[in-house]
Amino acid sequence: MEDKEEVEEIRGKTAEELLILGEEYLAEGRYEDAIKVYKEIVKKEPLMPTLAKTCNDCGVAYANLEDYEMAIGFFNAALNLRDYLMDGGISTYYNLGQVYRLMGDEEKADESFRRGDRIKQEQEERDEAARRVFSSV
């Protein structure tokens, strides 16, 4: 992503457009390029949901580069914004658990997985309660 034209194109995009580009780079295994895009997103002072997703995805990129400390930092930043994450932080807790497991810290890994499972269970209970309410209408 060193091409001057490509850099200018990135600067001209919105944070939300860049998030899509970053996800494409992640899917292609272009982790360093994804991180550059995520850093550009932060400079644009994005909406909180975009920032929360950016932090999670940047953590994924760092985890794939085996820079686990940076990954943990970004996952924790995403969890600080978890109210803005589509799944309430479930996938971020699972990502964090995976990193801790790769680092050999089973206790922290298990705690992260438990927290993700707890949020998932709470969401399922809320969804079921909503279905009951709507089915009686």
C-alpha atoms as a PDB file:
ATOM      1  CA  MET A   1       0.000   0.000   0.000  1.00  0.00           C
ATOM      2  CA  GLU A   2       2.944   2.319  -0.553  1.00  0.00           C
ATOM      3  CA  ASP A   3       1.687   3.656  -3.893  1.00  0.00           C
ATOM      4  CA  LYS A   4       1.097   7.429  -3.610  1.00  0.00           C
ATOM      5  CA  GLU A   5      -2.154   7.177  -5.566  1.00  0.00           C
ATOM      6  CA  GLU A   6      -3.420   4.485  -3.215  1.00  0.00           C
ATOM      7  CA  VAL A   7      -2.556   6.612  -0.161  1.00  0.00           C
ATOM      8  CA  GLU A   8      -4.477   9.561  -1.623  1.00  0.00           C
ATOM      9  CA  GLU A   9      -7.447   7.311  -2.355  1.00  0.00           C
ATOM     10  CA  ILE A  10      -7.488   6.164   1.260  1.00  0.00           C
ATOM     11  CA  ARG A  11      -7.390   9.712   2.569  1.00  0.00           C
ATOM     12  CA  GLY A  12     -10.399  10.582   0.420  1.00  0.00           C
ATOM     13  CA  LYS A  13     -12.616   7.853   1.850  1.00  0.00           C
ATOM     14  CA  THR A  14     -14.932   8.102   4.837  1.00  0.00           C
ATOM     15  CA  ALA A  15     -14.179   6.106   7.960  1.00  0.00           C
ATOM     16  CA  GLU A  16     -17.018   3.738   7.112  1.00  0.00           C
ATOM     17  CA  GLU A  17     -15.669   3.170   3.576  1.00  0.00           C
ATOM     18  CA  LEU A  18     -12.220   2.541   5.018  1.00  0.00           C
ATOM     19  CA  LEU A  19     -13.636  -0.024   7.431  1.00  0.00           C
ATOM     20  CA  ILE A  20     -14.857  -2.039   4.448  1.00  0.00           C
ATOM     21  CA  LEU A  21     -11.415  -1.749   2.832  1.00  0.00           C
ATOM     22  CA  GLY A  22      -9.746  -2.861   6.062  1.00  0.00           C
ATOM     23  CA  GLU A  23     -12.025  -5.897   6.232  1.00  0.00           C
ATOM     24  CA  GLU A  24     -11.081  -6.763   2.644  1.00  0.00           C
ATOM     25  CA  TYR A  25      -7.381  -6.540   3.520  1.00  0.00           C
ATOM     26  CA  LEU A  26      -7.956  -8.773   6.564  1.00  0.00           C
ATOM     27  CA  ALA A  27      -9.727 -11.364   4.424  1.00  0.00           C
ATOM     28  CA  GLU A  28      -6.837 -11.281   1.945  1.00  0.00           C
ATOM     29  CA  GLY A  29      -4.255 -11.723   4.714  1.00  0.00           C
ATOM     30  CA  ARG A  30      -2.827  -8.233   4.130  1.00  0.00           C
ATOM     31  CA  TYR A  31      -2.542  -7.522   7.848  1.00  0.00           C
ATOM     32  CA  GLU A  32      -0.031  -4.652   7.701  1.00  0.00           C
ATOM     33  CA  ASP A  33      -2.147  -2.886   5.083  1.00  0.00           C
ATOM     34  CA  ALA A  34      -5.256  -3.424   7.198  1.00  0.00           C
ATOM     35  CA  ILE A  35      -3.521  -1.864  10.209  1.00  0.00           C
ATOM     36  CA  LYS A  36      -2.565   1.192   8.126  1.00  0.00           C
ATOM     37  CA  VAL A  37      -6.192   1.582   7.074  1.00  0.00           C
ATOM     38  CA  TYR A  38      -7.398   1.226  10.672  1.00  0.00           C
ATOM     39  CA  LYS A  39      -4.967   3.923  11.813  1.00  0.00           C
ATOM     40  CA  GLU A  40      -6.340   6.205   9.113  1.00  0.00           C
ATOM     41  CA  ILE A  41      -9.882   5.510  10.349  1.00  0.00           C
ATOM     42  CA  VAL A  42      -8.965   6.653  13.860  1.00  0.00           C
ATOM     43  CA  LYS A  43      -7.571   9.933  12.466  1.00  0.00           C
ATOM     44  CA  LYS A  44     -10.966  10.653  10.928  1.00  0.00           C
ATOM     45  CA  GLU A  45     -12.691  10.596  14.327  1.00  0.00           C
ATOM     46  CA  PRO A  46     -15.290   8.039  13.227  1.00  0.00           C
ATOM     47  CA  LEU A  47     -18.679   7.320  14.723  1.00  0.00           C
ATOM     48  CA  MET A  48     -18.429   5.133  17.813  1.00  0.00           C
ATOM     49  CA  PRO A  49     -19.749   1.936  16.153  1.00  0.00           C
ATOM     50  CA  THR A  50     -17.115   2.329  13.434  1.00  0.00           C
ATOM     51  CA  LEU A  51     -14.389   2.941  16.018  1.00  0.00           C
ATOM     52  CA  ALA A  52     -15.445  -0.097  18.069  1.00  0.00           C
ATOM     53  CA  LYS A  53     -15.369  -2.370  14.995  1.00  0.00           C
ATOM     54  CA  THR A  54     -12.056  -0.836  13.911  1.00  0.00           C
ATOM     55  CA  CYS A  55     -10.485  -1.664  17.284  1.00  0.00           C
ATOM     56  CA  ASN A  56     -11.694  -5.261  17.102  1.00  0.00           C
ATOM     57  CA  ASP A  57     -10.510  -5.733  13.529  1.00  0.00           C
ATOM     58  CA  CYS A  58      -7.150  -4.118  14.250  1.00  0.00           C
ATOM     59  CA  GLY A  59      -6.773  -6.574  17.129  1.00  0.00           C
ATOM     60  CA  VAL A  60      -7.439  -9.421  14.688  1.00  0.00           C
ATOM     61  CA  ALA A  61      -4.758  -8.090  12.338  1.00  0.00           C
ATOM     62  CA  TYR A  62      -2.188  -7.838  15.146  1.00  0.00           C
ATOM     63  CA  ALA A  63      -3.108 -11.319  16.397  1.00  0.00           C
ATOM     64  CA  ASN A  64      -2.472 -12.717  12.923  1.00  0.00           C
ATOM     65  CA  LEU A  65       0.922 -10.998  12.945  1.00  0.00           C
ATOM     66  CA  GLU A  66       1.528 -12.678  16.335  1.00  0.00           C
ATOM     67  CA  ASP A  67       1.842  -9.304  18.058  1.00  0.00           C
ATOM     68  CA  TYR A  68      -0.336 -10.455  20.911  1.00  0.00           C
ATOM     69  CA  GLU A  69       0.217  -7.498  23.243  1.00  0.00           C
ATOM     70  CA  MET A  70      -1.014  -5.060  20.590  1.00  0.00           C
ATOM     71  CA  ALA A  71      -3.930  -7.393  19.803  1.00  0.00           C
ATOM     72  CA  ILE A  72      -4.933  -7.482  23.470  1.00  0.00           C
ATOM     73  CA  GLY A  73      -4.752  -3.692  23.656  1.00  0.00           C
ATOM     74  CA  PHE A  74      -7.055  -3.272  20.672  1.00  0.00           C
ATOM     75  CA  PHE A  75      -9.477  -5.959  21.857  1.00  0.00           C
ATOM     76  CA  ASN A  76      -9.690  -4.223  25.237  1.00  0.00           C
ATOM     77  CA  ALA A  77     -10.298  -0.889  23.494  1.00  0.00           C
ATOM     78  CA  ALA A  78     -13.118  -2.522  21.520  1.00  0.00           C
ATOM     79  CA  LEU A  79     -14.567  -3.967  24.725  1.00  0.00           C
ATOM     80  CA  ASN A  80     -14.536  -0.502  26.287  1.00  0.00           C
ATOM     81  CA  LEU A  81     -16.842   0.420  23.386  1.00  0.00           C
ATOM     82  CA  ARG A  82     -18.796  -2.849  23.399  1.00  0.00           C
ATOM     83  CA  ASP A  83     -22.154  -1.101  23.584  1.00  0.00           C
ATOM     84  CA  TYR A  84     -21.426  -0.038  20.001  1.00  0.00           C
ATOM     85  CA  LEU A  85     -20.495  -3.511  18.742  1.00  0.00           C
ATOM     86  CA  MET A  86     -23.203  -5.333  16.812  1.00  0.00           C
ATOM     87  CA  ASP A  87     -22.915  -8.430  19.005  1.00  0.00           C
ATOM     88  CA  GLY A  88     -22.293  -6.615  22.289  1.00  0.00           C
ATOM     89  CA  GLY A  89     -18.691  -7.800  22.407  1.00  0.00           C
ATOM     90  CA  ILE A  90     -19.210 -11.548  22.041  1.00  0.00           C
ATOM     91  CA  SER A  91     -16.780 -11.991  19.146  1.00  0.00           C
ATOM     92  CA  THR A  92     -14.258  -9.628  20.735  1.00  0.00           C
ATOM     93  CA  TYR A  93     -14.254 -11.680  23.940  1.00  0.00           C
ATOM     94  CA  TYR A  94     -13.784 -14.832  21.845  1.00  0.00           C
ATOM     95  CA  ASN A  95     -10.947 -13.177  19.908  1.00  0.00           C
ATOM     96  CA  LEU A  96      -9.320 -12.141  23.176  1.00  0.00           C
ATOM     97  CA  GLY A  97      -9.709 -15.677  24.507  1.00  0.00           C
ATOM     98  CA  GLN A  98      -7.996 -17.073  21.422  1.00  0.00           C
ATOM     99  CA  VAL A  99      -5.041 -14.722  21.882  1.00  0.00           C
ATOM    100  CA  TYR A 100      -4.678 -15.645  25.549  1.00  0.00           C
ATOM    101  CA  ARG A 101      -4.826 -19.315  24.587  1.00  0.00           C
ATOM    102  CA  LEU A 102      -2.084 -18.792  21.972  1.00  0.00           C
ATOM    103  CA  MET A 103      -0.022 -17.102  24.690  1.00  0.00           C
ATOM    104  CA  GLY A 104      -0.556 -20.106  26.971  1.00  0.00           C
ATOM    105  CA  ASP A 105      -2.669 -18.231  29.540  1.00  0.00           C
ATOM    106  CA  GLU A 106      -5.572 -20.670  29.903  1.00  0.00           C
ATOM    107  CA  GLU A 107      -7.026 -18.870  32.923  1.00  0.00           C
ATOM    108  CA  LYS A 108      -7.458 -15.569  31.058  1.00  0.00           C
ATOM    109  CA  ALA A 109      -8.580 -17.447  27.938  1.00  0.00           C
ATOM    110  CA  ASP A 110     -11.301 -19.272  29.854  1.00  0.00           C
ATOM    111  CA  GLU A 111     -12.450 -16.049  31.533  1.00  0.00           C
ATOM    112  CA  SER A 112     -12.715 -14.302  28.146  1.00  0.00           C
ATOM    113  CA  PHE A 113     -14.693 -17.200  26.658  1.00  0.00           C
ATOM    114  CA  ARG A 114     -16.995 -17.242  29.717  1.00  0.00           C
ATOM    115  CA  ARG A 115     -17.678 -13.515  29.374  1.00  0.00           C
ATOM    116  CA  GLY A 116     -18.506 -13.941  25.692  1.00  0.00           C
ATOM    117  CA  ASP A 117     -20.785 -16.874  26.505  1.00  0.00           C
ATOM    118  CA  ARG A 118     -22.513 -14.864  29.247  1.00  0.00           C
ATOM    119  CA  ILE A 119     -23.307 -12.002  26.856  1.00  0.00           C
ATOM    120  CA  LYS A 120     -24.529 -14.486  24.248  1.00  0.00           C
ATOM    121  CA  GLN A 121     -26.823 -16.137  26.818  1.00  0.00           C
ATOM    122  CA  GLU A 122     -28.197 -12.754  27.924  1.00  0.00           C
ATOM    123  CA  GLN A 123     -28.930 -11.807  24.316  1.00  0.00           C
ATOM    124  CA  GLU A 124     -30.676 -15.129  23.690  1.00  0.00           C
ATOM    125  CA  GLU A 125     -32.840 -14.612  26.790  1.00  0.00           C
ATOM    126  CA  ARG A 126     -33.774 -11.074  25.660  1.00  0.00           C
ATOM    127  CA  ASP A 127     -34.547 -12.340  22.155  1.00  0.00           C
ATOM    128  CA  GLU A 128     -36.779 -15.089  23.552  1.00  0.00           C
ATOM    129  CA  ALA A 129     -38.622 -12.610  25.784  1.00  0.00           C
ATOM    130  CA  ALA A 130     -39.187 -10.327  22.787  1.00  0.00           C
ATOM    131  CA  ARG A 131     -40.492 -13.243  20.708  1.00  0.00           C
ATOM    132  CA  ARG A 132     -42.976 -14.100  23.457  1.00  0.00           C
ATOM    133  CA  VAL A 133     -44.200 -10.496  23.605  1.00  0.00           C
ATOM    134  CA  PHE A 134     -44.595 -10.257  19.831  1.00  0.00           C
ATOM    135  CA  SER A 135     -46.286 -13.644  19.534  1.00  0.00           C
ATOM    136  CA  SER A 136     -49.025 -12.499  21.928  1.00  0.00           C
ATOM    137  CA  VAL A 137     -49.824  -9.401  19.873  1.00  0.00           C
END
